[in-house]
Amino acid sequence: MSFTRLFALAFAAGLVVAPPAPAQDTVGIVAIVNDGAITQIDLATRMRIAIVASRLQDTPEVRQRLAPQVLRALIDEQIRVQEADRQGIKIPERAINDRIDALAEENKMSREQFDQMLAQNGIPLESLKSQIRSELAWSTVVRRKFQSDIVITAEDIAEARTRIIESQGEPEYLMAEIFLSADDAADSSEAEAAARRLMEELKKGAQFSAVARQFSQSPTAPRGGDLGWVQRGDLSPELAAAAQQLNKGQVAGPIRSDGGYHILLLRDLRESVGTVATGTVDMKQIELQLQTGATPAQVADATESLRSLREQVTSCDDAAEAGAGIDALTGDLTGMDVTALPGNLQSIAVGQPIGQASEPIRNEDGIAAYVVCARNLSTSGPSDEEIRDQLTRERLDLMQRGFLRDLRRTSFVDIRG
């Protein structure tokens, strides 16, 4: 769900309907970002959006606490919009109005009612349009720059499916995040203080998804910080340790990571169902036998020898010849019941691309690699296309996070006052 949709939903649900903030007496500049400026009116308007959408009381104390984060968010938005302008990206007014019309329809309002709702909450329509424009422009920047560079191979999908199978029965966490970057030591104390201020507001009842959309510097911000269902292995050790301590609905943070500070929300918890497969599989086994008590060096040599076959084997017909080249034994595993296989072999049977040699695995007799020749399986779980989409999103998020960090480092930012 997009930032603007969730933003509108917060208002449409009647969470806050308050009088507009006092008018500003000046349009003084509060920050210079390269060749752009952020004015006091920009800051006050965005502050109003953040307060209303996050269910906060509009008091001088709240405004003072949130001002640094609001300004930081505006600076990032300026940097993103300027990059879109540099690339000549223009978002048609029609696309922006279409988005607002869709928001009104989703919230069972006419366009006129939606505009009135904004006005009642002291939110200029142009401010919402500006946010939509910047969101669409940045999405276009990211797609143009990185989409063609992301190649998800059959092996990538197989490895992901193997992880899904092997994780069956482990806990899965439905997580959301707020992330504040700290690119260097100078940023660290400021980011930590900002994260602590946001934690205070969350404890007082601020809506997590709205705070994430307003202040998080992660690519997940437009979707309210939503990380989806994740497992411990999907998270950094620091975040995984925090997730394990949470109960449903609890928030933890700030948590330091390599890139900055995180606040985590555990939305739900379940046991992973993984991918359940039934049926039979035909495989070739290529094995280098080892004597009992083989040394670590002998195990490593055998493993490397089998790993070298991966470039030679493109079908089951190649397996015997490739195995003979390293004095390995080659055998047929025909009509194997996949549910009766050990966990590591079951992962290969279900997930390994047909005709490719697997990563070597240790067994009782030595080291073996396996080539899947044919499958007759019925599986439940994510499709290859769903896995591909997830891997693409993950890589795109990682790329745009690094790109924005680089843009910040090369931008001239002068905060005044």
Protein backbone atom coordinates (compact mmCIF):
# COMPACT_ATOMS: atom_id res chain seq x y z
CA MET A 1 0.00 0.00 0.00
CA SER A 2 1.41 3.40 -0.95
CA PHE A 3 2.26 6.27 1.39
CA THR A 4 -0.52 8.43 0.09
CA ARG A 5 -3.15 5.73 0.37
CA LEU A 6 -2.28 5.02 3.98
CA PHE A 7 -2.03 8.74 4.68
CA ALA A 8 -5.55 9.26 3.40
CA LEU A 9 -6.88 6.24 5.25
CA ALA A 10 -5.68 7.72 8.53
CA PHE A 11 -7.76 10.83 7.91
CA ALA A 12 -10.74 9.01 6.42
CA ALA A 13 -11.02 6.83 9.51
CA GLY A 14 -11.73 9.99 11.48
CA LEU A 15 -8.64 9.61 13.64
CA VAL A 16 -8.10 13.35 13.95
CA VAL A 17 -10.14 16.31 12.82
CA ALA A 18 -8.61 19.47 14.27
CA PRO A 19 -8.43 23.14 13.39
CA PRO A 20 -5.63 24.31 11.10
CA ALA A 21 -2.32 25.32 12.58
CA PRO A 22 -1.74 29.05 13.06
CA ALA A 23 -0.73 30.86 9.90
CA GLN A 24 2.93 31.63 9.44
CA ASP A 25 4.02 35.27 9.50
CA THR A 26 7.05 34.62 7.36
CA VAL A 27 8.26 32.46 4.52
CA GLY A 28 11.78 32.43 5.93
CA ILE A 29 14.16 29.74 4.75
CA VAL A 30 15.00 27.00 7.26
CA ALA A 31 17.30 24.92 5.04
CA ILE A 32 19.14 25.08 1.72
CA VAL A 33 19.48 21.79 -0.16
CA ASN A 34 21.79 22.19 -3.16
CA ASP A 35 19.95 24.75 -5.29
CA GLY A 36 16.61 24.33 -3.49
CA ALA A 37 15.15 25.78 -0.31
CA ILE A 38 12.84 24.60 2.46
CA THR A 39 10.75 27.39 3.99
CA GLN A 40 9.07 27.77 7.35
CA ILE A 41 5.73 27.25 5.61
CA ASP A 42 7.00 23.96 4.10
CA LEU A 43 8.10 22.84 7.53
CA ALA A 44 4.85 23.89 9.26
CA THR A 45 2.69 22.20 6.63
CA ARG A 46 4.60 18.93 6.76
CA MET A 47 4.53 19.09 10.54
CA ARG A 48 0.75 19.35 10.35
CA ILE A 49 0.57 16.31 8.09
CA ALA A 50 2.80 14.30 10.43
CA ILE A 51 0.81 15.25 13.52
CA VAL A 52 -2.62 14.53 12.05
CA ALA A 53 -1.66 11.29 10.30
CA SER A 54 0.20 9.98 13.36
CA ARG A 55 -2.67 10.73 15.79
CA LEU A 56 -0.63 13.17 17.87
CA GLN A 57 -1.82 16.19 19.81
CA ASP A 58 -0.89 19.43 18.08
CA THR A 59 0.97 21.12 20.94
CA PRO A 60 4.11 23.29 20.99
CA GLU A 61 5.93 20.49 22.85
CA VAL A 62 5.08 17.89 20.20
CA ARG A 63 6.06 20.26 17.39
CA GLN A 64 9.38 21.02 19.06
CA ARG A 65 10.17 17.30 19.50
CA LEU A 66 9.23 16.40 15.93
CA ALA A 67 10.76 19.38 14.13
CA PRO A 68 14.22 17.81 13.56
CA GLN A 69 12.73 14.63 12.08
CA VAL A 70 10.27 16.53 9.90
CA LEU A 71 13.05 18.74 8.55
CA ARG A 72 15.24 15.72 7.88
CA ALA A 73 12.42 14.09 5.94
CA LEU A 74 11.94 17.24 3.88
CA ILE A 75 15.66 17.38 3.11
CA ASP A 76 15.60 13.79 1.85
CA GLU A 77 12.54 14.59 -0.26
CA GLN A 78 14.35 17.58 -1.80
CA ILE A 79 17.34 15.40 -2.64
CA ARG A 80 15.12 12.79 -4.31
CA VAL A 81 13.11 15.36 -6.28
CA GLN A 82 16.27 17.12 -7.42
CA GLU A 83 17.67 13.85 -8.73
CA ALA A 84 14.42 13.24 -10.62
CA ASP A 85 14.66 16.76 -12.09
CA ARG A 86 18.28 16.12 -13.06
CA GLN A 87 17.17 13.05 -14.99
CA GLY A 88 14.40 15.02 -16.69
CA ILE A 89 11.59 13.05 -15.05
CA LYS A 90 8.26 14.84 -15.13
CA ILE A 91 5.15 13.45 -13.47
CA PRO A 92 2.01 14.46 -15.39
CA GLU A 93 -0.63 16.33 -13.38
CA ARG A 94 -3.09 13.73 -14.65
CA ALA A 95 -1.18 10.94 -12.86
CA ILE A 96 -1.24 12.89 -9.59
CA ASN A 97 -4.95 13.65 -9.86
CA ASP A 98 -5.66 10.04 -10.78
CA ARG A 99 -3.94 8.97 -7.58
CA ILE A 100 -5.95 11.42 -5.48
CA ASP A 101 -9.19 10.33 -7.19
CA ALA A 102 -8.31 6.72 -6.40
CA LEU A 103 -7.65 7.63 -2.77
CA ALA A 104 -11.04 9.30 -2.51
CA GLU A 105 -12.77 6.29 -4.08
CA GLU A 106 -10.96 3.80 -1.84
CA ASN A 107 -12.13 5.76 1.19
CA LYS A 108 -15.71 5.95 -0.09
CA MET A 109 -15.54 9.70 -0.66
CA SER A 110 -16.17 11.89 -3.64
CA ARG A 111 -13.22 13.99 -4.75
CA GLU A 112 -14.97 17.04 -3.31
CA GLN A 113 -15.43 15.33 0.07
CA PHE A 114 -11.79 14.23 0.08
CA ASP A 115 -10.59 17.78 -0.62
CA GLN A 116 -12.85 19.07 2.16
CA MET A 117 -11.44 16.51 4.60
CA LEU A 118 -7.93 17.79 3.89
CA ALA A 119 -9.00 21.37 4.34
CA GLN A 120 -10.70 20.60 7.67
CA ASN A 121 -7.40 19.21 8.92
CA GLY A 122 -5.39 22.21 7.74
CA ILE A 123 -3.67 20.29 4.93
CA PRO A 124 -3.30 22.22 1.65
CA LEU A 125 -4.16 20.05 -1.35
CA GLU A 126 -0.94 21.18 -3.03
CA SER A 127 1.07 19.67 -0.17
CA LEU A 128 -0.49 16.26 -0.77
CA LYS A 129 0.11 16.68 -4.50
CA SER A 130 3.74 17.51 -3.80
CA GLN A 131 4.19 14.33 -1.77
CA ILE A 132 2.54 12.22 -4.46
CA ARG A 133 4.69 13.87 -7.13
CA SER A 134 7.90 13.20 -5.22
CA GLU A 135 6.92 9.57 -4.53
CA LEU A 136 6.12 8.87 -8.19
CA ALA A 137 9.24 10.67 -9.39
CA TRP A 138 11.56 8.78 -7.04
CA SER A 139 9.99 5.45 -7.98
CA THR A 140 10.67 6.29 -11.62
CA VAL A 141 14.28 7.22 -10.83
CA VAL A 142 14.88 3.93 -9.04
CA ARG A 143 13.25 1.81 -11.75
CA ARG A 144 15.17 3.51 -14.55
CA LYS A 145 18.50 3.25 -12.77
CA PHE A 146 18.35 -0.25 -11.33
CA GLN A 147 15.52 -2.38 -12.74
CA SER A 148 17.46 -3.58 -15.78
CA ASP A 149 20.46 -4.50 -13.61
CA ILE A 150 18.48 -6.92 -11.46
CA VAL A 151 18.68 -10.45 -12.85
CA ILE A 152 17.06 -13.23 -10.83
CA THR A 153 18.41 -16.57 -12.03
CA ALA A 154 16.95 -20.04 -11.68
CA GLU A 155 19.66 -20.72 -9.11
CA ASP A 156 18.61 -17.70 -7.08
CA ILE A 157 15.03 -19.00 -7.02
CA ALA A 158 16.23 -22.51 -6.14
CA GLU A 159 18.35 -21.22 -3.26
CA ALA A 160 15.43 -19.15 -1.96
CA ARG A 161 13.12 -22.16 -2.14
CA THR A 162 15.71 -24.27 -0.34
CA ARG A 163 15.79 -21.71 2.48
CA ILE A 164 11.98 -21.83 2.63
CA ILE A 165 11.97 -25.63 2.87
CA GLU A 166 14.73 -25.77 5.48
CA SER A 167 13.02 -23.12 7.61
CA GLN A 168 9.80 -25.08 7.89
CA GLY A 169 8.59 -25.05 11.49
CA GLU A 170 10.71 -22.05 12.51
CA PRO A 171 9.08 -18.85 13.80
CA GLU A 172 8.16 -16.15 11.29
CA TYR A 173 7.68 -12.53 12.26
CA LEU A 174 5.36 -10.03 10.59
CA MET A 175 7.50 -6.95 11.12
CA ALA A 176 7.43 -3.24 10.43
CA GLU A 177 10.37 -0.88 10.80
CA ILE A 178 11.32 2.74 11.21
CA PHE A 179 14.89 3.38 10.11
CA LEU A 180 17.00 6.50 10.64
CA SER A 181 20.29 6.49 8.79
CA ALA A 182 23.63 7.30 10.41
CA ASP A 183 26.12 7.33 7.58
CA ASP A 184 29.05 8.35 9.77
CA ALA A 185 29.96 8.96 13.41
CA ALA A 186 28.83 12.59 13.22
CA ASP A 187 25.29 11.48 12.33
CA SER A 188 25.08 8.73 14.94
CA SER A 189 24.19 10.73 18.04
CA GLU A 190 21.63 12.83 16.13
CA ALA A 191 19.99 9.75 14.62
CA GLU A 192 19.89 7.98 17.98
CA ALA A 193 18.30 11.00 19.65
CA ALA A 194 15.73 11.23 16.85
CA ALA A 195 14.91 7.53 17.20
CA ARG A 196 14.43 7.95 20.95
CA ARG A 197 12.06 10.87 20.36
CA LEU A 198 10.01 8.78 17.94
CA MET A 199 9.91 5.91 20.46
CA GLU A 200 8.46 8.34 23.01
CA GLU A 201 5.72 9.37 20.59
CA LEU A 202 4.92 5.75 19.76
CA LYS A 203 4.58 4.95 23.46
CA LYS A 204 2.14 7.85 23.75
CA GLY A 205 -0.08 6.37 21.04
CA ALA A 206 1.35 7.58 17.72
CA GLN A 207 0.40 5.30 14.82
CA PHE A 208 3.45 3.25 13.82
CA SER A 209 2.71 3.08 10.09
CA ALA A 210 2.09 6.83 9.87
CA VAL A 211 5.29 7.61 11.78
CA ALA A 212 7.20 5.27 9.46
CA ARG A 213 5.80 6.97 6.37
CA GLN A 214 6.64 10.43 7.70
CA PHE A 215 10.08 9.82 9.19
CA SER A 216 11.63 6.48 8.19
CA GLN A 217 14.53 6.68 5.75
CA SER A 218 14.13 3.09 4.59
CA PRO A 219 12.72 2.10 1.19
CA THR A 220 9.92 0.48 3.21
CA ALA A 221 8.65 3.92 4.32
CA PRO A 222 6.07 4.28 1.48
CA ARG A 223 4.40 1.08 2.69
CA GLY A 224 4.30 2.16 6.33
CA GLY A 225 7.55 0.42 7.21
CA ASP A 226 6.11 -3.00 6.35
CA LEU A 227 8.78 -5.72 6.06
CA GLY A 228 6.27 -8.52 5.53
CA TRP A 229 6.85 -11.98 6.99
CA VAL A 230 10.52 -12.51 7.86
CA GLN A 231 12.59 -15.08 9.71
CA ARG A 232 15.65 -14.66 11.88
CA GLY A 233 17.92 -15.37 8.94
CA ASP A 234 16.40 -12.49 6.98
CA LEU A 235 17.39 -9.98 9.67
CA SER A 236 20.74 -8.72 10.90
CA PRO A 237 21.85 -10.34 14.18
CA GLU A 238 20.93 -7.20 16.13
CA LEU A 239 17.42 -7.04 14.70
CA ALA A 240 16.90 -10.81 14.96
CA ALA A 241 17.80 -10.72 18.66
CA ALA A 242 15.31 -7.90 19.25
CA ALA A 243 12.54 -9.62 17.28
CA GLN A 244 12.85 -12.78 19.38
CA GLN A 245 12.14 -10.79 22.55
CA LEU A 246 8.94 -9.16 21.28
CA ASN A 247 5.35 -10.17 21.82
CA LYS A 248 2.67 -9.38 19.27
CA GLY A 249 2.01 -5.62 19.14
CA GLN A 250 5.20 -4.65 20.98
CA VAL A 251 7.78 -2.12 19.78
CA ALA A 252 11.55 -2.23 20.35
CA GLY A 253 14.25 0.35 19.75
CA PRO A 254 16.35 2.18 19.02
CA ILE A 255 18.48 -0.71 17.76
CA ARG A 256 21.89 0.12 16.27
CA SER A 257 22.87 -1.49 12.97
CA ASP A 258 25.67 -0.83 10.50
CA GLY A 259 23.66 1.84 8.70
CA GLY A 260 21.77 3.58 11.48
CA TYR A 261 19.02 3.05 14.05
CA HIS A 262 15.89 0.89 13.81
CA ILE A 263 12.60 0.78 15.63
CA LEU A 264 10.75 -2.53 15.18
CA LEU A 265 7.09 -3.43 15.54
CA LEU A 266 6.05 -7.09 15.77
CA ARG A 267 2.66 -7.13 14.09
CA ASP A 268 2.13 -10.90 14.24
CA LEU A 269 3.92 -14.21 14.79
CA ARG A 270 3.45 -17.65 13.26
CA GLU A 271 5.24 -20.91 12.57
CA SER A 272 6.65 -21.19 9.07
CA VAL A 273 4.78 -23.64 6.87
CA GLY A 274 7.54 -23.59 4.27
CA THR A 275 6.96 -25.49 1.04
CA VAL A 276 5.25 -28.86 1.34
CA ALA A 277 6.03 -31.25 -1.51
CA THR A 278 4.76 -34.74 -2.26
CA GLY A 279 5.58 -37.07 -5.13
CA THR A 280 8.72 -38.58 -6.67
CA VAL A 281 11.99 -37.37 -8.12
CA ASP A 282 14.74 -38.89 -10.28
CA MET A 283 18.33 -37.80 -9.48
CA LYS A 284 21.93 -38.63 -10.24
CA GLN A 285 24.34 -38.88 -7.32
CA ILE A 286 28.01 -38.00 -7.83
CA GLU A 287 29.98 -39.06 -4.77
CA LEU A 288 33.58 -38.90 -3.62
CA GLN A 289 33.93 -41.48 -0.87
CA LEU A 290 36.02 -40.71 2.21
CA GLN A 291 37.44 -43.02 4.83
CA THR A 292 36.19 -42.85 8.40
CA GLY A 293 38.18 -40.19 10.23
CA ALA A 294 38.95 -38.14 7.11
CA THR A 295 40.81 -34.94 7.98
CA PRO A 296 39.26 -31.50 7.47
CA ALA A 297 41.71 -30.94 4.62
CA GLN A 298 40.53 -34.13 2.86
CA VAL A 299 36.91 -33.10 3.30
CA ALA A 300 37.68 -29.64 1.92
CA ASP A 301 39.53 -31.07 -1.11
CA ALA A 302 36.66 -33.43 -1.94
CA THR A 303 34.14 -30.64 -1.54
CA GLU A 304 36.10 -28.35 -3.88
CA SER A 305 36.46 -31.14 -6.47
CA LEU A 306 32.70 -31.68 -6.56
CA ARG A 307 32.02 -27.97 -6.59
CA SER A 308 34.16 -27.65 -9.73
CA LEU A 309 31.70 -29.95 -11.54
CA ARG A 310 28.94 -27.37 -11.38
CA GLU A 311 30.25 -25.63 -14.50
CA GLN A 312 30.60 -28.93 -16.40
CA VAL A 313 27.19 -30.45 -15.67
CA THR A 314 24.26 -29.03 -17.62
CA SER A 315 22.15 -32.21 -17.76
CA CYS A 316 21.91 -35.64 -16.21
CA ASP A 317 23.71 -37.05 -19.24
CA ASP A 318 26.81 -35.07 -18.21
CA ALA A 319 26.91 -36.44 -14.68
CA ALA A 320 28.65 -39.79 -15.30
CA GLU A 321 31.40 -38.33 -17.50
CA ALA A 322 32.00 -35.42 -15.12
CA GLY A 323 32.14 -37.78 -12.14
CA ALA A 324 34.59 -40.11 -13.88
CA GLY A 325 36.92 -37.14 -14.43
CA ILE A 326 37.47 -36.84 -10.67
CA ASP A 327 37.21 -40.58 -9.87
CA ALA A 328 33.78 -40.16 -8.31
CA LEU A 329 31.07 -42.81 -8.13
CA THR A 330 27.89 -42.00 -10.07
CA GLY A 331 24.57 -43.64 -9.27
CA ASP A 332 20.88 -43.34 -10.13
CA LEU A 333 18.24 -42.44 -7.57
CA THR A 334 15.05 -43.21 -9.46
CA GLY A 335 11.48 -42.74 -8.28
CA MET A 336 12.52 -41.44 -4.86
CA ASP A 337 9.65 -40.47 -2.54
CA VAL A 338 10.52 -36.87 -1.73
CA THR A 339 8.87 -37.03 1.71
CA ALA A 340 11.22 -39.89 2.69
CA LEU A 341 14.40 -37.99 1.82
CA PRO A 342 16.56 -36.30 4.47
CA GLY A 343 15.95 -32.57 4.82
CA ASN A 344 19.00 -31.47 2.83
CA LEU A 345 18.21 -33.86 -0.03
CA GLN A 346 14.56 -32.87 0.04
CA SER A 347 15.58 -29.25 -0.48
CA ILE A 348 17.61 -30.23 -3.54
CA ALA A 349 14.88 -32.50 -4.87
CA VAL A 350 12.29 -29.73 -4.71
CA GLY A 351 14.32 -26.60 -5.38
CA GLN A 352 17.41 -27.44 -7.46
CA PRO A 353 17.08 -26.50 -11.17
CA ILE A 354 16.80 -29.60 -13.34
CA GLY A 355 20.11 -30.59 -14.94
CA GLN A 356 22.36 -28.60 -12.60
CA ALA A 357 24.69 -30.07 -10.00
CA SER A 358 23.90 -29.10 -6.43
CA GLU A 359 26.28 -27.73 -3.84
CA PRO A 360 28.23 -30.65 -2.31
CA ILE A 361 26.81 -32.06 0.92
CA ARG A 362 28.33 -34.38 3.51
CA ASN A 363 26.87 -37.87 3.94
CA GLU A 364 27.88 -41.03 5.78
CA ASP A 365 30.19 -42.25 3.02
CA GLY A 366 31.79 -39.01 1.86
CA ILE A 367 30.83 -35.91 -0.11
CA ALA A 368 28.13 -35.95 -2.79
CA ALA A 369 26.50 -33.65 -5.31
CA TYR A 370 23.13 -34.32 -6.89
CA VAL A 371 21.62 -33.60 -10.29
CA VAL A 372 17.82 -33.56 -10.56
CA CYS A 373 16.74 -35.33 -13.76
CA ALA A 374 12.94 -35.29 -13.48
CA ARG A 375 10.22 -34.42 -10.98
CA ASN A 376 6.67 -35.57 -10.48
CA LEU A 377 5.73 -33.37 -7.56
CA SER A 378 2.81 -31.52 -6.13
CA THR A 379 3.92 -28.52 -4.04
CA SER A 380 2.29 -25.90 -1.88
CA GLY A 381 4.02 -22.63 -1.14
CA PRO A 382 5.15 -19.59 -3.13
CA SER A 383 5.42 -19.93 -6.89
CA ASP A 384 8.67 -19.24 -8.74
CA GLU A 385 7.21 -15.94 -9.92
CA GLU A 386 6.31 -14.93 -6.36
CA ILE A 387 9.84 -15.74 -5.21
CA ARG A 388 11.26 -13.80 -8.16
CA ASP A 389 9.15 -10.77 -7.27
CA GLN A 390 10.24 -10.90 -3.64
CA LEU A 391 13.94 -11.19 -4.55
CA THR A 392 13.57 -8.31 -7.00
CA ARG A 393 11.98 -6.09 -4.34
CA GLU A 394 14.71 -6.94 -1.84
CA ARG A 395 17.50 -6.10 -4.28
CA LEU A 396 15.76 -2.95 -5.48
CA ASP A 397 15.32 -1.78 -1.88
CA LEU A 398 18.99 -2.42 -1.15
CA MET A 399 20.12 -0.56 -4.27
CA GLN A 400 17.95 2.48 -3.69
CA ARG A 401 19.01 2.67 -0.02
CA GLY A 402 22.66 2.87 -1.11
CA PHE A 403 21.87 5.31 -3.90
CA LEU A 404 20.07 7.72 -1.57
CA ARG A 405 22.95 7.47 0.90
CA ASP A 406 25.38 8.46 -1.86
CA LEU A 407 23.16 11.37 -2.90
CA ARG A 408 23.07 12.62 0.69
CA ARG A 409 26.86 12.52 0.94
CA THR A 410 27.34 14.57 -2.21
CA SER A 411 24.60 17.12 -1.48
CA PHE A 412 25.12 20.57 -0.01
CA VAL A 413 22.80 21.02 2.96
CA ASP A 414 22.73 24.21 5.07
CA ILE A 415 20.31 24.16 8.01
CA ARG A 416 19.56 27.65 9.29
CA GLY A 417 18.44 28.88 12.67
